Amino acid sequence: MRKTPSPHSRIRLGAVMVLSVLALLGDATAALAGTAPPPVPATPTQPASATSRSAAPAPKPPAGPTPTAPTGPSAEPPASEAVLPAADDDWTVETAIRFWTPERMDSATDPSGRTAPPEGSPAAARRPSGGGVTAQHFKGVKSVGTIFSEDKGPKGHRCTAGVVRSAGHDLILTAGHCVGSKSMFVPMYDHTRTAAAQPYGVWAVDTWFRDKRATWDKAKTSDLDYAFARLKPNGRENVQDVVGANTLARTPGYANKVTVVGYPRTAHNPLDQAVRCPDVHTTALSGYYQMQIFCAGMWGGVSGGPFFSRLDPSGDTGTIIGNVGGFLQGGPDVSASDPRYNEITYSPLYGDRFFRLYADAQQGRNPDYGPYEQPALRWTTGSGAPRKHAGLMTPGT
């Protein structure tokens, strides 16, 4: 006679059957997994740059032939939203002034010590090879200043920026690679004064806006090396109401006559003053939607500095058609010991995509515009650069 199983026996039997089924399913899943293709390696978010017109350039590789824009899937980097610093309500003008003590400002802008040259000396340690234009010190432009960032340690003279017209009276323009956390903009920076005593105040960065496909390597997406930052008020005033604002205009072409302004790092600028390259001519950077100038003295720290096509009669504002940046953060593919390192400077051209970012930044938006399609390139050697320097006007030649 068959014994009727007890309730506890039935429970144990059911559990054994469930475990057996799960084991069989697990074996099948493992077998299927063994035939699946391997995962695709992740694409790097941002290639390391080889050179920089910001204050702390990375080591540069040896000079090589003129690079061309890469093609294929690797040519388009992923969106870079994650690397933009989040808005920080605790970072205000008051906290920026408290952080940037005179000692910190001095150590950040001049880590190697000052050796002041004679008054009125040029900013560059050498003049252009074979002659040419050299950047000269001047009092500065009221609507242009330098950026300090507390980003993995104090970084003074990180970059240069200019105030641009905006609906909120609160935007500055700089290079895309100049984005940093806890940043402070100092218009017409005066190194003899504390942060609290700057002639036109200091302004804490609230939010950054940058093209999410931008890079600052050798890829064609270095054409997108520009960024805007919205500044918090200083008291009840916005920056545009204090220093004025510059007009942004489409870059007419590769050949232009411009004045470029920037704040070089003090290792090459002991006077710690603004410099300018006045009335220099731009030419095309082959293979890129970028232009270039030949002017010695444009060392690290000038990144983001405006390319003025004209200055207003006041001298305080003007029309901007470019900014220091682009290919390898705005400089040629040569070592820092090569004279061309500080003599050749690049800028993106401003087209439709630039003005989409400009409009969105004024509305507090920073969407992804999708893959970058480089505009049709028009080749030109420009109208004003001496032909004898043509061999120096491309990177790595």
Protein backbone atom coordinates (compact mmCIF):
# COMPACT_ATOMS: atom_id res chain seq x y z
CA MET A 1 0.00 0.00 0.00
CA ARG A 2 1.38 3.37 -1.04
CA LYS A 3 1.97 5.68 1.84
CA THR A 4 0.31 9.10 1.53
CA PRO A 5 3.01 11.75 1.87
CA SER A 6 2.71 14.19 4.73
CA PRO A 7 2.25 17.96 4.06
CA HIS A 8 5.91 18.59 5.02
CA SER A 9 7.08 15.92 2.57
CA ARG A 10 5.06 17.53 -0.25
CA ILE A 11 6.64 20.91 0.48
CA ARG A 12 10.15 19.45 0.39
CA LEU A 13 9.41 17.60 -2.85
CA GLY A 14 8.08 20.79 -4.49
CA ALA A 15 11.18 22.74 -3.45
CA VAL A 16 13.46 20.08 -4.96
CA MET A 17 11.54 20.20 -8.25
CA VAL A 18 11.76 24.04 -8.41
CA LEU A 19 15.52 23.98 -7.76
CA SER A 20 16.00 21.36 -10.46
CA VAL A 21 14.14 23.46 -13.01
CA LEU A 22 16.17 26.56 -12.09
CA ALA A 23 19.39 24.61 -12.47
CA LEU A 24 18.40 23.45 -15.94
CA LEU A 25 17.48 26.99 -16.96
CA GLY A 26 20.79 28.26 -15.62
CA ASP A 27 22.71 25.74 -17.74
CA ALA A 28 20.77 26.82 -20.81
CA THR A 29 21.44 30.49 -20.10
CA ALA A 30 25.13 29.79 -19.64
CA ALA A 31 25.24 27.92 -22.92
CA LEU A 32 23.61 30.82 -24.74
CA ALA A 33 25.98 33.31 -23.09
CA GLY A 34 28.92 31.32 -24.38
CA THR A 35 27.83 31.98 -27.95
CA ALA A 36 27.13 35.73 -27.48
CA PRO A 37 29.58 38.27 -29.03
CA PRO A 38 31.98 40.05 -26.64
CA PRO A 39 30.93 43.52 -25.42
CA VAL A 40 32.06 46.58 -27.41
CA PRO A 41 34.80 48.50 -25.56
CA ALA A 42 33.70 51.87 -24.18
CA THR A 43 34.78 54.96 -26.09
CA PRO A 44 36.94 57.40 -24.07
CA THR A 45 35.00 60.46 -22.99
CA GLN A 46 37.70 63.04 -23.72
CA PRO A 47 41.13 62.46 -25.26
CA ALA A 48 44.06 63.92 -23.39
CA SER A 49 45.27 67.12 -24.97
CA ALA A 50 48.82 67.57 -26.10
CA THR A 51 49.10 71.31 -25.66
CA SER A 52 47.16 74.17 -24.19
CA ARG A 53 46.68 77.89 -24.22
CA SER A 54 45.23 77.55 -20.71
CA ALA A 55 47.42 78.04 -17.66
CA ALA A 56 48.61 74.48 -17.14
CA PRO A 57 49.36 72.77 -20.49
CA ALA A 58 49.92 69.03 -20.59
CA PRO A 59 53.26 67.76 -21.99
CA LYS A 60 53.28 68.07 -25.76
CA PRO A 61 54.35 65.31 -28.19
CA PRO A 62 57.14 65.88 -30.71
CA ALA A 63 56.20 67.82 -33.79
CA GLY A 64 54.92 65.78 -36.71
CA PRO A 65 53.28 66.27 -40.08
CA THR A 66 50.19 68.41 -40.42
CA PRO A 67 47.32 66.29 -39.03
CA THR A 68 44.07 65.66 -40.83
CA ALA A 69 40.66 65.21 -39.27
CA PRO A 70 40.05 61.52 -38.45
CA THR A 71 37.28 59.63 -40.21
CA GLY A 72 35.05 56.72 -39.23
CA PRO A 73 33.29 55.96 -35.93
CA SER A 74 36.20 57.14 -33.79
CA ALA A 75 35.99 60.65 -35.25
CA GLU A 76 32.87 61.56 -33.28
CA PRO A 77 33.26 61.58 -29.48
CA PRO A 78 30.31 60.87 -27.17
CA ALA A 79 28.33 63.61 -25.50
CA SER A 80 30.25 65.30 -22.69
CA GLU A 81 27.38 66.41 -20.44
CA ALA A 82 28.85 64.52 -17.47
CA VAL A 83 32.02 66.59 -17.39
CA LEU A 84 30.26 69.93 -17.00
CA PRO A 85 30.37 71.11 -13.37
CA ALA A 86 26.95 71.31 -11.76
CA ALA A 87 25.64 74.68 -10.64
CA ASP A 88 26.81 75.33 -7.09
CA ASP A 89 24.52 77.47 -4.94
CA ASP A 90 27.22 77.67 -2.27
CA TRP A 91 29.76 79.20 -4.67
CA THR A 92 29.06 82.93 -4.54
CA VAL A 93 30.98 86.16 -4.92
CA GLU A 94 31.50 86.21 -1.16
CA THR A 95 32.84 82.64 -1.00
CA ALA A 96 35.06 83.28 -4.02
CA ILE A 97 36.59 86.33 -2.33
CA ARG A 98 37.10 84.39 0.89
CA PHE A 99 38.77 81.54 -0.98
CA TRP A 100 40.97 83.70 -3.22
CA THR A 101 43.11 85.31 -0.56
CA PRO A 102 46.05 87.41 -1.78
CA GLU A 103 48.35 84.48 -0.97
CA ARG A 104 46.30 82.03 -3.01
CA MET A 105 45.98 84.40 -5.94
CA ASP A 106 49.71 85.01 -5.91
CA SER A 107 50.67 81.35 -5.60
CA ALA A 108 48.16 80.28 -8.23
CA THR A 109 49.19 82.84 -10.81
CA ASP A 110 52.89 82.68 -10.16
CA PRO A 111 54.03 79.31 -8.78
CA SER A 112 57.62 79.79 -9.95
CA GLY A 113 58.29 83.25 -8.50
CA ARG A 114 58.52 86.62 -10.19
CA THR A 115 61.50 88.03 -12.04
CA ALA A 116 60.15 91.31 -13.31
CA PRO A 117 61.72 92.48 -16.60
CA PRO A 118 62.29 96.14 -17.41
CA GLU A 119 59.14 98.22 -17.71
CA GLY A 120 57.55 98.03 -21.13
CA SER A 121 59.30 94.84 -22.20
CA PRO A 122 57.40 92.48 -24.55
CA ALA A 123 55.45 89.58 -23.09
CA ALA A 124 57.23 86.95 -25.17
CA ALA A 125 60.61 85.51 -24.29
CA ARG A 126 61.46 85.47 -27.99
CA ARG A 127 60.32 87.31 -31.09
CA PRO A 128 58.75 85.56 -34.06
CA SER A 129 61.09 83.47 -36.19
CA GLY A 130 62.20 85.64 -39.07
CA GLY A 131 60.48 88.74 -37.68
CA GLY A 132 56.80 89.54 -37.26
CA VAL A 133 54.35 90.70 -34.60
CA THR A 134 54.94 90.38 -30.87
CA ALA A 135 52.22 90.71 -28.23
CA GLN A 136 52.61 93.82 -26.10
CA HIS A 137 51.41 94.67 -22.62
CA PHE A 138 48.59 97.18 -22.24
CA LYS A 139 46.08 98.21 -19.59
CA GLY A 140 43.47 95.74 -20.82
CA VAL A 141 39.88 95.91 -22.02
CA LYS A 142 37.19 96.48 -19.40
CA SER A 143 34.94 93.72 -20.77
CA VAL A 144 37.75 91.12 -20.91
CA GLY A 145 39.33 89.39 -17.94
CA THR A 146 40.90 86.26 -16.57
CA ILE A 147 39.36 83.12 -15.05
CA PHE A 148 40.45 81.61 -11.74
CA SER A 149 39.27 78.08 -10.91
CA GLU A 150 39.43 76.02 -7.74
CA ASP A 151 39.60 72.78 -9.69
CA LYS A 152 41.82 70.06 -8.16
CA GLY A 153 43.79 72.86 -6.55
CA PRO A 154 43.89 76.61 -7.28
CA LYS A 155 44.46 77.43 -10.94
CA GLY A 156 45.03 81.10 -11.54
CA HIS A 157 45.12 82.56 -15.01
CA ARG A 158 43.40 79.40 -16.14
CA CYS A 159 41.97 81.17 -19.18
CA THR A 160 40.76 84.48 -20.62
CA ALA A 161 37.10 85.39 -21.24
CA GLY A 162 35.00 88.26 -22.55
CA VAL A 163 31.55 89.50 -21.55
CA VAL A 164 29.02 89.13 -24.39
CA ARG A 165 25.59 90.63 -24.89
CA SER A 166 22.81 88.52 -23.40
CA ALA A 167 19.21 88.81 -22.28
CA GLY A 168 20.23 88.30 -18.66
CA HIS A 169 23.27 90.60 -18.86
CA ASP A 170 25.31 87.79 -17.33
CA LEU A 171 27.20 85.77 -20.00
CA ILE A 172 30.91 85.41 -20.75
CA LEU A 173 32.54 83.63 -23.69
CA THR A 174 35.70 81.54 -23.44
CA ALA A 175 37.13 78.28 -24.82
CA GLY A 176 35.41 74.94 -24.24
CA HIS A 177 38.47 73.47 -22.55
CA CYS A 178 38.37 76.30 -19.98
CA VAL A 179 35.33 74.89 -18.17
CA GLY A 180 36.13 74.34 -14.49
CA SER A 181 34.43 74.02 -11.13
CA LYS A 182 34.20 76.90 -8.64
CA SER A 183 35.34 79.44 -11.22
CA MET A 184 35.67 83.20 -10.79
CA PHE A 185 35.83 85.79 -13.58
CA VAL A 186 37.85 88.97 -12.97
CA PRO A 187 37.29 91.67 -15.62
CA MET A 188 40.34 93.83 -16.41
CA TYR A 189 42.29 91.91 -13.76
CA ASP A 190 44.73 93.99 -11.69
CA HIS A 191 47.41 91.81 -10.07
CA THR A 192 48.25 94.55 -7.54
CA ARG A 193 44.81 94.29 -5.88
CA THR A 194 43.05 91.66 -3.79
CA ALA A 195 39.94 89.88 -5.06
CA ALA A 196 37.74 92.18 -2.97
CA ALA A 197 39.42 95.29 -4.41
CA GLN A 198 39.41 94.49 -8.14
CA PRO A 199 38.43 97.57 -10.17
CA TYR A 200 35.30 95.98 -11.67
CA GLY A 201 34.59 93.34 -9.06
CA VAL A 202 34.75 89.57 -9.26
CA TRP A 203 31.98 87.33 -10.57
CA ALA A 204 31.23 83.74 -9.56
CA VAL A 205 30.34 81.32 -12.37
CA ASP A 206 26.89 79.81 -11.92
CA THR A 207 26.46 77.52 -14.96
CA TRP A 208 28.60 76.43 -17.91
CA PHE A 209 27.30 75.86 -21.46
CA ARG A 210 29.41 73.92 -23.95
CA ASP A 211 28.79 71.94 -27.14
CA LYS A 212 28.52 68.33 -25.99
CA ARG A 213 30.48 67.09 -29.01
CA ALA A 214 33.41 69.44 -28.49
CA THR A 215 36.97 68.21 -28.11
CA TRP A 216 40.29 70.04 -28.01
CA ASP A 217 42.53 67.39 -29.53
CA LYS A 218 43.38 66.91 -33.22
CA ALA A 219 39.88 65.81 -34.26
CA LYS A 220 37.60 67.91 -36.41
CA THR A 221 35.41 68.41 -33.31
CA SER A 222 38.09 70.78 -32.00
CA ASP A 223 36.21 73.24 -34.25
CA LEU A 224 33.72 73.38 -31.33
CA ASP A 225 36.16 74.59 -28.66
CA TYR A 226 34.05 77.44 -27.28
CA ALA A 227 31.85 77.82 -24.20
CA PHE A 228 29.63 80.27 -22.35
CA ALA A 229 29.27 80.77 -18.62
CA ARG A 230 26.43 82.44 -16.76
CA LEU A 231 27.69 84.58 -13.88
CA LYS A 232 25.99 85.21 -10.57
CA PRO A 233 25.28 88.85 -9.68
CA ASN A 234 27.76 90.82 -7.63
CA GLY A 235 25.39 92.34 -5.13
CA ARG A 236 22.47 93.63 -7.16
CA GLU A 237 24.43 94.18 -10.37
CA ASN A 238 25.06 91.93 -13.35
CA VAL A 239 28.42 91.96 -15.07
CA GLN A 240 27.17 93.47 -18.35
CA ASP A 241 25.76 96.48 -16.48
CA VAL A 242 29.17 97.15 -14.91
CA VAL A 243 31.69 96.58 -17.73
CA GLY A 244 29.56 96.61 -20.88
CA ALA A 245 29.31 93.74 -23.34
CA ASN A 246 30.76 92.67 -26.65
CA THR A 247 28.79 91.87 -29.79
CA LEU A 248 29.15 88.41 -31.32
CA ALA A 249 29.26 88.14 -35.11
CA ARG A 250 29.62 85.30 -37.58
CA THR A 251 33.18 84.86 -38.72
CA PRO A 252 33.18 86.37 -42.24
CA GLY A 253 35.76 83.89 -43.54
CA TYR A 254 39.29 82.72 -42.97
CA ALA A 255 40.96 86.01 -43.88
CA ASN A 256 40.31 88.73 -41.30
CA LYS A 257 42.09 91.57 -39.57
CA VAL A 258 41.79 91.14 -35.79
CA THR A 259 43.09 92.26 -32.41
CA VAL A 260 43.55 89.37 -29.97
CA VAL A 261 43.58 89.94 -26.20
CA GLY A 262 44.64 87.57 -23.41
CA TYR A 263 46.27 87.09 -20.01
CA PRO A 264 49.34 84.82 -20.34
CA ARG A 265 50.57 82.80 -17.39
CA THR A 266 53.10 84.68 -15.30
CA ALA A 267 55.93 82.26 -16.00
CA HIS A 268 56.12 84.02 -19.39
CA ASN A 269 54.45 87.26 -18.33
CA PRO A 270 56.19 88.50 -15.16
CA LEU A 271 54.39 91.84 -15.33
CA ASP A 272 51.14 89.88 -14.91
CA GLN A 273 49.25 92.16 -17.29
CA ALA A 274 47.00 91.75 -20.30
CA VAL A 275 48.64 91.51 -23.72
CA ARG A 276 47.30 92.12 -27.20
CA CYS A 277 48.23 91.30 -30.75
CA PRO A 278 46.87 94.33 -32.62
CA ASP A 279 45.77 94.34 -36.26
CA VAL A 280 47.05 90.88 -37.17
CA HIS A 281 45.77 88.94 -40.16
CA THR A 282 44.17 85.53 -39.94
CA THR A 283 44.52 82.65 -42.39
CA ALA A 284 42.92 79.22 -42.74
CA LEU A 285 44.06 76.24 -40.68
CA SER A 286 44.12 73.46 -43.28
CA GLY A 287 41.57 70.71 -42.69
CA TYR A 288 39.68 72.54 -39.96
CA TYR A 289 36.91 75.12 -39.62
CA GLN A 290 39.41 77.34 -37.83
CA MET A 291 41.63 80.35 -38.43
CA GLN A 292 45.09 81.20 -37.13
CA ILE A 293 47.33 84.16 -36.38
CA PHE A 294 51.09 84.59 -36.19
CA CYS A 295 52.00 86.65 -33.10
CA ALA A 296 54.63 85.81 -30.47
CA GLY A 297 53.82 85.89 -26.77
CA MET A 298 50.54 83.96 -26.75
CA TRP A 299 51.45 81.57 -23.94
CA GLY A 300 49.22 79.48 -21.70
CA GLY A 301 46.45 81.53 -20.06
CA VAL A 302 45.27 83.24 -23.26
CA SER A 303 42.82 80.41 -24.09
CA GLY A 304 39.37 81.85 -24.64
CA GLY A 305 40.76 85.29 -25.41
CA PRO A 306 38.63 87.18 -27.94
CA PHE A 307 39.46 87.80 -31.59
CA PHE A 308 38.11 91.34 -32.07
CA SER A 309 37.25 92.34 -35.63
CA ARG A 310 36.74 95.88 -34.35
CA LEU A 311 36.82 97.81 -31.08
CA ASP A 312 34.30 100.48 -30.17
CA PRO A 313 35.51 104.10 -29.83
CA SER A 314 35.48 103.69 -26.04
CA GLY A 315 37.95 100.81 -26.29
CA ASP A 316 35.95 98.95 -23.64
CA THR A 317 33.98 96.66 -25.96
CA GLY A 318 33.90 95.53 -29.58
CA THR A 319 32.82 92.83 -32.02
CA ILE A 320 34.13 89.29 -31.45
CA ILE A 321 34.45 86.79 -34.31
CA GLY A 322 36.57 84.11 -32.62
CA ASN A 323 38.34 82.95 -29.47
CA VAL A 324 41.71 81.34 -28.73
CA GLY A 325 41.13 77.59 -28.86
CA GLY A 326 40.52 74.73 -31.24
CA PHE A 327 43.19 72.32 -32.45
CA LEU A 328 45.19 71.13 -29.40
CA GLN A 329 43.60 73.87 -27.28
CA GLY A 330 44.69 76.63 -29.62
CA GLY A 331 48.35 75.98 -30.39
CA PRO A 332 50.53 74.02 -32.84
CA ASP A 333 51.72 70.45 -32.40
CA VAL A 334 55.26 71.32 -31.28
CA SER A 335 57.11 71.22 -27.97
CA ALA A 336 57.13 74.22 -25.66
CA SER A 337 60.79 74.82 -26.53
CA ASP A 338 59.92 75.33 -30.20
CA PRO A 339 59.49 79.06 -31.07
CA ARG A 340 56.26 78.28 -32.90
CA TYR A 341 54.65 77.15 -29.64
CA ASN A 342 53.89 80.73 -28.57
CA GLU A 343 53.87 82.28 -32.04
CA ILE A 344 50.94 80.47 -33.72
CA THR A 345 47.44 80.65 -32.26
CA TYR A 346 44.15 79.17 -33.48
CA SER A 347 40.45 80.02 -33.19
CA PRO A 348 37.21 78.27 -34.18
CA LEU A 349 35.05 79.98 -36.78
CA TYR A 350 31.58 81.01 -35.61
CA GLY A 351 28.74 79.53 -37.67
CA ASP A 352 25.23 78.17 -37.15
CA ARG A 353 26.16 75.68 -34.46
CA PHE A 354 27.94 78.33 -32.39
CA PHE A 355 24.93 80.64 -32.47
CA ARG A 356 22.59 77.80 -31.48
CA LEU A 357 24.65 77.38 -28.31
CA TYR A 358 24.68 81.16 -27.77
CA ALA A 359 20.86 81.31 -28.01
CA ASP A 360 20.37 78.29 -25.75
CA ALA A 361 22.81 79.57 -23.13
CA GLN A 362 20.74 82.72 -22.79
CA GLN A 363 17.73 80.52 -22.02
CA GLY A 364 19.65 78.35 -19.57
CA ARG A 365 19.61 75.33 -21.92
CA ASN A 366 22.45 73.07 -23.02
CA PRO A 367 21.04 70.41 -25.38
CA ASP A 368 23.00 67.88 -27.40
CA TYR A 369 23.07 68.99 -31.05
CA GLY A 370 24.13 65.56 -32.27
CA PRO A 371 27.12 64.56 -34.41
CA TYR A 372 29.20 67.39 -35.80
CA GLU A 373 29.15 67.89 -39.56
CA GLN A 374 32.03 70.13 -40.52
CA PRO A 375 30.98 72.98 -42.83
CA ALA A 376 32.38 73.01 -46.33
CA LEU A 377 35.96 74.24 -46.17
CA ARG A 378 37.13 77.11 -48.35
CA TRP A 379 40.88 77.21 -48.73
CA THR A 380 42.65 80.53 -48.53
CA THR A 381 46.04 81.85 -47.44
CA GLY A 382 44.49 85.11 -46.25
CA SER A 383 45.06 88.65 -47.35
CA GLY A 384 47.60 90.03 -44.93
CA ALA A 385 50.01 87.42 -43.57
CA PRO A 386 53.46 87.57 -45.13
CA ARG A 387 53.95 84.73 -47.58
CA LYS A 388 57.41 84.00 -46.18
CA HIS A 389 55.73 82.69 -43.01
CA ALA A 390 53.35 80.35 -44.85
CA GLY A 391 55.37 77.30 -43.81
CA LEU A 392 54.84 78.18 -40.14
CA MET A 393 51.11 78.65 -40.40
CA THR A 394 50.14 74.99 -40.09
CA PRO A 395 50.66 72.73 -37.08
CA GLY A 396 53.71 70.54 -36.97
CA THR A 397 55.39 71.85 -40.12
